[in-house]
């Protein structure tokens, strides 16, 4: 629906705000479902389109590239923008992502003191594991040269002292649960939680309506603890 709705707030109260990073191969349309669950719980929910996607300006995307460092700038721009909004409690901003968006947002979370907590679903410890997975499945992908290994979650996890919730499927072959635990979760220095979802693979979030609601409601419990 291309008709733009007027932006209105229900009152003048400042609320904790959650940034939902969108899929790495589409626009933000799917992410409205997070808002449908989180907003009634007392949160502002913000999502966006990466450059080159959806309603964002055109930008050359090489589909063979696994990710782009320029997406860090996109997340920074969203954070800086929402901090100017009167309805945002700037002391209570969280961020989340699933799969590659979790990977993209993790270094930003580590670097920015204005992000208070993080939820990462199917967060890979490195990009080499993902490249290897897709190579075995006949879909070669490339890591951009400027995406250096010092940006990998496994190499920055020990620098993080803020609350984190990691979620991964027990049967995930792209971001294996064992890797998430050993290479990321065990290295985190702050308060941390992990939820290994039994019997599901990488797409656990999108299996069905019930699994999605369970996933987001578990996120809300975490955010209630650290943003309210």
C-alpha atoms as a PDB file:
ATOM      1  CA  UNK A   1       0.000   0.000   0.000  1.00  0.00           C
ATOM      2  CA  UNK A   2       1.865   3.137  -1.187  1.00  0.00           C
ATOM      3  CA  UNK A   3      -0.345   5.557   0.778  1.00  0.00           C
ATOM      4  CA  UNK A   4       1.690   7.151   3.535  1.00  0.00           C
ATOM      5  CA  UNK A   5      -0.129   7.394   6.849  1.00  0.00           C
ATOM      6  CA  UNK A   6       0.242  10.419   9.106  1.00  0.00           C
ATOM      7  CA  UNK A   7       2.653   9.877  11.963  1.00  0.00           C
ATOM      8  CA  UNK A   8       0.891  10.336  15.298  1.00  0.00           C
ATOM      9  CA  UNK A   9       1.654   9.421  18.885  1.00  0.00           C
ATOM     10  CA  UNK A  10      -1.018   8.371  21.337  1.00  0.00           C
ATOM     11  CA  UNK A  11       0.236  10.785  24.033  1.00  0.00           C
ATOM     12  CA  UNK A  12       3.268  12.831  25.058  1.00  0.00           C
ATOM     13  CA  UNK A  13       4.872  10.152  27.242  1.00  0.00           C
ATOM     14  CA  UNK A  14       8.491   9.174  26.626  1.00  0.00           C
ATOM     15  CA  UNK A  15       8.821   5.425  26.177  1.00  0.00           C
ATOM     16  CA  UNK A  16      11.614   2.874  25.848  1.00  0.00           C
ATOM     17  CA  UNK A  17      12.361   2.236  22.198  1.00  0.00           C
ATOM     18  CA  UNK A  18      13.408  -0.883  20.303  1.00  0.00           C
ATOM     19  CA  UNK A  19      15.159  -0.749  16.937  1.00  0.00           C
ATOM     20  CA  UNK A  20      14.348  -3.766  14.778  1.00  0.00           C
ATOM     21  CA  UNK A  21      16.964  -4.269  12.050  1.00  0.00           C
ATOM     22  CA  UNK A  22      15.294  -5.591   8.888  1.00  0.00           C
ATOM     23  CA  UNK A  23      16.077  -8.637   6.801  1.00  0.00           C
ATOM     24  CA  UNK A  24      19.253  -8.638   4.751  1.00  0.00           C
ATOM     25  CA  UNK A  25      17.409  -9.454   1.517  1.00  0.00           C
ATOM     26  CA  UNK A  26      14.224  -7.423   1.649  1.00  0.00           C
ATOM     27  CA  UNK A  27      12.512  -4.355   3.001  1.00  0.00           C
ATOM     28  CA  UNK A  28      11.081  -3.583   6.403  1.00  0.00           C
ATOM     29  CA  UNK A  29       7.537  -4.732   5.580  1.00  0.00           C
ATOM     30  CA  UNK A  30       7.809  -7.983   7.550  1.00  0.00           C
ATOM     31  CA  UNK A  31       9.113  -6.179  10.630  1.00  0.00           C
ATOM     32  CA  UNK A  32       5.754  -4.521  11.369  1.00  0.00           C
ATOM     33  CA  UNK A  33       4.820  -7.761  13.097  1.00  0.00           C
ATOM     34  CA  UNK A  34       7.300  -6.957  15.861  1.00  0.00           C
ATOM     35  CA  UNK A  35       5.540  -3.640  16.427  1.00  0.00           C
ATOM     36  CA  UNK A  36       2.129  -5.343  16.579  1.00  0.00           C
ATOM     37  CA  UNK A  37       3.292  -7.281  19.633  1.00  0.00           C
ATOM     38  CA  UNK A  38       5.710  -4.837  21.279  1.00  0.00           C
ATOM     39  CA  UNK A  39       3.820  -1.546  21.037  1.00  0.00           C
ATOM     40  CA  UNK A  40       0.906  -2.691  23.226  1.00  0.00           C
ATOM     41  CA  UNK A  41       3.545  -3.688  25.809  1.00  0.00           C
ATOM     42  CA  UNK A  42       4.600  -0.046  26.156  1.00  0.00           C
ATOM     43  CA  UNK A  43       7.425   0.277  23.621  1.00  0.00           C
ATOM     44  CA  UNK A  44       8.151   2.470  20.655  1.00  0.00           C
ATOM     45  CA  UNK A  45       9.248   0.217  17.790  1.00  0.00           C
ATOM     46  CA  UNK A  46      11.398   1.501  14.944  1.00  0.00           C
ATOM     47  CA  UNK A  47      12.412  -0.303  11.794  1.00  0.00           C
ATOM     48  CA  UNK A  48      13.900   0.903   8.529  1.00  0.00           C
ATOM     49  CA  UNK A  49      15.079  -0.065   5.058  1.00  0.00           C
ATOM     50  CA  UNK A  50      18.760  -0.605   4.395  1.00  0.00           C
ATOM     51  CA  UNK A  51      20.212   1.611   1.684  1.00  0.00           C
ATOM     52  CA  UNK A  52      19.258   0.234  -1.714  1.00  0.00           C
ATOM     53  CA  UNK A  53      16.144  -1.520  -0.364  1.00  0.00           C
ATOM     54  CA  UNK A  54      12.465  -0.618  -0.092  1.00  0.00           C
ATOM     55  CA  UNK A  55      11.835   3.124   0.089  1.00  0.00           C
ATOM     56  CA  UNK A  56      15.491   4.041   0.638  1.00  0.00           C
ATOM     57  CA  UNK A  57      17.533   5.760  -2.041  1.00  0.00           C
ATOM     58  CA  UNK A  58      18.931   3.579  -4.790  1.00  0.00           C
ATOM     59  CA  UNK A  59      22.339   2.153  -4.013  1.00  0.00           C
ATOM     60  CA  UNK A  60      24.235  -0.562  -5.917  1.00  0.00           C
ATOM     61  CA  UNK A  61      23.799  -3.953  -4.222  1.00  0.00           C
ATOM     62  CA  UNK A  62      25.973  -6.858  -5.315  1.00  0.00           C
ATOM     63  CA  UNK A  63      23.867  -9.874  -4.355  1.00  0.00           C
ATOM     64  CA  UNK A  64      26.980 -12.061  -4.163  1.00  0.00           C
ATOM     65  CA  UNK A  65      28.253  -9.980  -1.244  1.00  0.00           C
ATOM     66  CA  UNK A  66      27.236 -11.450   2.092  1.00  0.00           C
ATOM     67  CA  UNK A  67      26.948  -8.033   3.755  1.00  0.00           C
ATOM     68  CA  UNK A  68      28.159  -4.429   3.636  1.00  0.00           C
ATOM     69  CA  UNK A  69      30.012  -2.293   6.172  1.00  0.00           C
ATOM     70  CA  UNK A  70      27.960   0.668   4.926  1.00  0.00           C
ATOM     71  CA  UNK A  71      24.985  -0.825   6.764  1.00  0.00           C
ATOM     72  CA  UNK A  72      26.688   0.205  10.016  1.00  0.00           C
ATOM     73  CA  UNK A  73      26.157   3.807   8.910  1.00  0.00           C
ATOM     74  CA  UNK A  74      22.485   3.078   8.303  1.00  0.00           C
ATOM     75  CA  UNK A  75      22.014   1.813  11.865  1.00  0.00           C
ATOM     76  CA  UNK A  76      23.899   4.819  13.254  1.00  0.00           C
ATOM     77  CA  UNK A  77      21.654   7.157  11.255  1.00  0.00           C
ATOM     78  CA  UNK A  78      18.516   5.538  12.682  1.00  0.00           C
ATOM     79  CA  UNK A  79      19.814   5.822  16.259  1.00  0.00           C
ATOM     80  CA  UNK A  80      20.815   9.451  15.831  1.00  0.00           C
ATOM     81  CA  UNK A  81      17.432  10.287  14.291  1.00  0.00           C
ATOM     82  CA  UNK A  82      15.201   8.660  16.892  1.00  0.00           C
ATOM     83  CA  UNK A  83      17.118  10.320  19.730  1.00  0.00           C
ATOM     84  CA  UNK A  84      15.712  13.617  18.447  1.00  0.00           C
ATOM     85  CA  UNK A  85      12.107  12.457  18.837  1.00  0.00           C
ATOM     86  CA  UNK A  86      10.239  13.672  21.908  1.00  0.00           C
ATOM     87  CA  UNK A  87       8.491  10.345  22.429  1.00  0.00           C
ATOM     88  CA  UNK A  88      11.794   8.455  22.791  1.00  0.00           C
ATOM     89  CA  UNK A  89      13.362   7.930  26.214  1.00  0.00           C
ATOM     90  CA  UNK A  90      16.980   8.267  25.084  1.00  0.00           C
ATOM     91  CA  UNK A  91      18.229   6.420  28.164  1.00  0.00           C
ATOM     92  CA  UNK A  92      16.237   3.306  27.201  1.00  0.00           C
ATOM     93  CA  UNK A  93      17.035   2.194  23.647  1.00  0.00           C
ATOM     94  CA  UNK A  94      17.439  -1.458  22.695  1.00  0.00           C
ATOM     95  CA  UNK A  95      18.252  -3.112  19.385  1.00  0.00           C
ATOM     96  CA  UNK A  96      17.617  -6.501  17.819  1.00  0.00           C
ATOM     97  CA  UNK A  97      18.204  -8.461  14.651  1.00  0.00           C
ATOM     98  CA  UNK A  98      17.868 -11.979  13.301  1.00  0.00           C
ATOM     99  CA  UNK A  99      20.589 -13.783  11.331  1.00  0.00           C
ATOM    100  CA  UNK A 100      22.636 -11.328   9.249  1.00  0.00           C
ATOM    101  CA  UNK A 101      20.937  -8.232  10.751  1.00  0.00           C
ATOM    102  CA  UNK A 102      21.957  -9.599  14.165  1.00  0.00           C
ATOM    103  CA  UNK A 103      25.525  -9.815  12.863  1.00  0.00           C
ATOM    104  CA  UNK A 104      25.386  -6.277  11.435  1.00  0.00           C
ATOM    105  CA  UNK A 105      23.967  -4.721  14.616  1.00  0.00           C
ATOM    106  CA  UNK A 106      26.296  -6.452  17.100  1.00  0.00           C
ATOM    107  CA  UNK A 107      29.384  -4.261  16.437  1.00  0.00           C
ATOM    108  CA  UNK A 108      27.204  -1.143  16.568  1.00  0.00           C
ATOM    109  CA  UNK A 109      25.798  -2.247  19.918  1.00  0.00           C
ATOM    110  CA  UNK A 110      29.314  -2.766  21.259  1.00  0.00           C
ATOM    111  CA  UNK A 111      30.480   0.636  20.062  1.00  0.00           C
ATOM    112  CA  UNK A 112      27.551   2.843  21.081  1.00  0.00           C
ATOM    113  CA  UNK A 113      26.930   3.614  24.747  1.00  0.00           C
ATOM    114  CA  UNK A 114      23.406   4.859  23.969  1.00  0.00           C
ATOM    115  CA  UNK A 115      22.236   1.325  23.148  1.00  0.00           C
ATOM    116  CA  UNK A 116      21.373  -0.327  26.448  1.00  0.00           C
ATOM    117  CA  UNK A 117      20.644  -3.946  25.530  1.00  0.00           C
ATOM    118  CA  UNK A 118      20.719  -6.321  22.583  1.00  0.00           C
ATOM    119  CA  UNK A 119      18.781  -9.324  21.279  1.00  0.00           C
ATOM    120  CA  UNK A 120      20.466 -11.420  18.598  1.00  0.00           C
ATOM    121  CA  UNK A 121      18.691 -14.305  16.914  1.00  0.00           C
ATOM    122  CA  UNK A 122      20.805 -16.819  14.985  1.00  0.00           C
ATOM    123  CA  UNK A 123      23.902 -14.663  15.507  1.00  0.00           C
ATOM    124  CA  UNK A 124      26.961 -16.021  13.711  1.00  0.00           C
ATOM    125  CA  UNK A 125      30.346 -15.793  15.418  1.00  0.00           C
ATOM    126  CA  UNK A 126      32.060 -15.047  12.099  1.00  0.00           C
ATOM    127  CA  UNK A 127      31.364 -14.729   8.394  1.00  0.00           C
ATOM    128  CA  UNK A 128      33.600 -17.607   7.331  1.00  0.00           C
ATOM    129  CA  UNK A 129      31.166 -20.139   8.811  1.00  0.00           C
ATOM    130  CA  UNK A 130      28.321 -18.722   6.722  1.00  0.00           C
ATOM    131  CA  UNK A 131      30.435 -18.603   3.565  1.00  0.00           C
ATOM    132  CA  UNK A 132      31.340 -22.252   4.085  1.00  0.00           C
ATOM    133  CA  UNK A 133      27.714 -23.254   4.585  1.00  0.00           C
ATOM    134  CA  UNK A 134      26.557 -21.639   1.350  1.00  0.00           C
ATOM    135  CA  UNK A 135      29.551 -22.973  -0.574  1.00  0.00           C
ATOM    136  CA  UNK A 136      28.538 -26.500   0.439  1.00  0.00           C
ATOM    137  CA  UNK A 137      25.040 -25.761  -0.864  1.00  0.00           C
ATOM    138  CA  UNK A 138      26.196 -24.436  -4.221  1.00  0.00           C
ATOM    139  CA  UNK A 139      25.564 -20.746  -3.490  1.00  0.00           C
ATOM    140  CA  UNK A 140      28.958 -19.016  -3.232  1.00  0.00           C
ATOM    141  CA  UNK A 141      29.002 -15.658  -1.455  1.00  0.00           C
ATOM    142  CA  UNK A 142      31.762 -13.106  -0.923  1.00  0.00           C
ATOM    143  CA  UNK A 143      32.925 -11.185   2.148  1.00  0.00           C
ATOM    144  CA  UNK A 144      33.743  -7.553   1.241  1.00  0.00           C
ATOM    145  CA  UNK A 145      37.415  -6.688   1.796  1.00  0.00           C
ATOM    146  CA  UNK A 146      36.582  -3.899   4.242  1.00  0.00           C
ATOM    147  CA  UNK A 147      34.569  -6.263   6.469  1.00  0.00           C
ATOM    148  CA  UNK A 148      37.557  -7.055   8.673  1.00  0.00           C
ATOM    149  CA  UNK A 149      37.666  -9.810  11.286  1.00  0.00           C
ATOM    150  CA  UNK A 150      37.870  -7.345  14.161  1.00  0.00           C
ATOM    151  CA  UNK A 151      34.153  -6.730  13.467  1.00  0.00           C
ATOM    152  CA  UNK A 152      33.219 -10.396  13.975  1.00  0.00           C
ATOM    153  CA  UNK A 153      31.098 -11.095  17.102  1.00  0.00           C
ATOM    154  CA  UNK A 154      33.587 -13.724  18.282  1.00  0.00           C
ATOM    155  CA  UNK A 155      36.261 -11.029  18.412  1.00  0.00           C
ATOM    156  CA  UNK A 156      34.269  -8.302  20.142  1.00  0.00           C
ATOM    157  CA  UNK A 157      32.044 -10.294  22.532  1.00  0.00           C
ATOM    158  CA  UNK A 158      34.533 -10.005  25.394  1.00  0.00           C
ATOM    159  CA  UNK A 159      34.356  -6.193  25.107  1.00  0.00           C
ATOM    160  CA  UNK A 160      30.624  -6.124  25.781  1.00  0.00           C
ATOM    161  CA  UNK A 161      29.474  -5.455  29.335  1.00  0.00           C
ATOM    162  CA  UNK A 162      25.840  -4.599  28.539  1.00  0.00           C
ATOM    163  CA  UNK A 163      22.874  -7.014  28.727  1.00  0.00           C
ATOM    164  CA  UNK A 164      22.488  -9.448  25.818  1.00  0.00           C
ATOM    165  CA  UNK A 165      19.951 -12.131  24.921  1.00  0.00           C
ATOM    166  CA  UNK A 166      21.023 -14.659  22.304  1.00  0.00           C
ATOM    167  CA  UNK A 167      18.484 -16.958  20.631  1.00  0.00           C
ATOM    168  CA  UNK A 168      19.326 -19.877  18.337  1.00  0.00           C
ATOM    169  CA  UNK A 169      17.658 -23.018  17.074  1.00  0.00           C
ATOM    170  CA  UNK A 170      18.956 -26.333  18.377  1.00  0.00           C
ATOM    171  CA  UNK A 171      19.183 -27.688  14.816  1.00  0.00           C
ATOM    172  CA  UNK A 172      20.541 -24.525  13.172  1.00  0.00           C
ATOM    173  CA  UNK A 173      23.163 -25.488  10.561  1.00  0.00           C
ATOM    174  CA  UNK A 174      24.017 -21.955   9.439  1.00  0.00           C
ATOM    175  CA  UNK A 175      24.683 -20.528  12.898  1.00  0.00           C
ATOM    176  CA  UNK A 176      25.115 -23.673  15.038  1.00  0.00           C
ATOM    177  CA  UNK A 177      24.058 -23.423  18.671  1.00  0.00           C
ATOM    178  CA  UNK A 178      27.418 -24.790  19.830  1.00  0.00           C
ATOM    179  CA  UNK A 179      29.223 -21.972  18.020  1.00  0.00           C
ATOM    180  CA  UNK A 180      26.895 -19.324  19.473  1.00  0.00           C
ATOM    181  CA  UNK A 181      27.536 -20.602  22.998  1.00  0.00           C
ATOM    182  CA  UNK A 182      31.289 -21.148  22.785  1.00  0.00           C
ATOM    183  CA  UNK A 183      32.386 -18.276  20.579  1.00  0.00           C
ATOM    184  CA  UNK A 184      29.985 -15.522  21.654  1.00  0.00           C
ATOM    185  CA  UNK A 185      27.868 -16.197  24.741  1.00  0.00           C
ATOM    186  CA  UNK A 186      30.672 -17.516  26.939  1.00  0.00           C
ATOM    187  CA  UNK A 187      32.804 -14.462  26.138  1.00  0.00           C
ATOM    188  CA  UNK A 188      30.215 -11.819  27.046  1.00  0.00           C
ATOM    189  CA  UNK A 189      31.167  -9.911  30.206  1.00  0.00           C
ATOM    190  CA  UNK A 190      27.819  -8.347  31.098  1.00  0.00           C
ATOM    191  CA  UNK A 191      24.464  -9.773  32.126  1.00  0.00           C
ATOM    192  CA  UNK A 192      23.441 -12.348  29.560  1.00  0.00           C
ATOM    193  CA  UNK A 193      20.772 -14.879  28.689  1.00  0.00           C
ATOM    194  CA  UNK A 194      20.546 -17.563  26.036  1.00  0.00           C
ATOM    195  CA  UNK A 195      17.558 -19.440  24.663  1.00  0.00           C
ATOM    196  CA  UNK A 196      18.247 -22.521  22.552  1.00  0.00           C
ATOM    197  CA  UNK A 197      14.964 -23.393  20.851  1.00  0.00           C
ATOM    198  CA  UNK A 198      14.528 -27.158  20.806  1.00  0.00           C
ATOM    199  CA  UNK A 199      13.926 -29.023  17.581  1.00  0.00           C
ATOM    200  CA  UNK A 200      14.153 -26.112  15.123  1.00  0.00           C
ATOM    201  CA  UNK A 201      16.665 -24.862  12.580  1.00  0.00           C
ATOM    202  CA  UNK A 202      17.768 -21.486  11.291  1.00  0.00           C
ATOM    203  CA  UNK A 203      14.318 -20.228  10.329  1.00  0.00           C
ATOM    204  CA  UNK A 204      12.744 -20.800  13.743  1.00  0.00           C
ATOM    205  CA  UNK A 205      11.382 -17.275  13.896  1.00  0.00           C
ATOM    206  CA  UNK A 206       9.312 -17.650  10.754  1.00  0.00           C
ATOM    207  CA  UNK A 207       8.038 -21.236  11.028  1.00  0.00           C
ATOM    208  CA  UNK A 208       4.509 -20.245  11.993  1.00  0.00           C
ATOM    209  CA  UNK A 209       2.494 -17.648  13.868  1.00  0.00           C
ATOM    210  CA  UNK A 210       2.872 -19.364  17.229  1.00  0.00           C
ATOM    211  CA  UNK A 211       6.648 -19.679  17.008  1.00  0.00           C
ATOM    212  CA  UNK A 212       6.939 -16.029  15.984  1.00  0.00           C
ATOM    213  CA  UNK A 213       4.795 -14.872  18.907  1.00  0.00           C
ATOM    214  CA  UNK A 214       6.780 -17.018  21.334  1.00  0.00           C
ATOM    215  CA  UNK A 215      10.001 -15.554  19.974  1.00  0.00           C
ATOM    216  CA  UNK A 216       8.911 -11.922  20.267  1.00  0.00           C
ATOM    217  CA  UNK A 217       7.269 -12.403  23.660  1.00  0.00           C
ATOM    218  CA  UNK A 218      10.551 -13.843  24.950  1.00  0.00           C
ATOM    219  CA  UNK A 219      12.243 -10.689  23.684  1.00  0.00           C
ATOM    220  CA  UNK A 220       9.690  -8.556  25.517  1.00  0.00           C
ATOM    221  CA  UNK A 221      10.457 -10.318  28.809  1.00  0.00           C
ATOM    222  CA  UNK A 222      14.129  -9.460  28.314  1.00  0.00           C
ATOM    223  CA  UNK A 223      13.446  -5.843  27.361  1.00  0.00           C
ATOM    224  CA  UNK A 224      11.066  -5.435  30.315  1.00  0.00           C
ATOM    225  CA  UNK A 225      13.959  -6.408  32.559  1.00  0.00           C
ATOM    226  CA  UNK A 226      16.498  -3.950  31.161  1.00  0.00           C
ATOM    227  CA  UNK A 227      14.530  -1.074  29.596  1.00  0.00           C
ATOM    228  CA  UNK A 228      11.710  -0.494  32.094  1.00  0.00           C
END
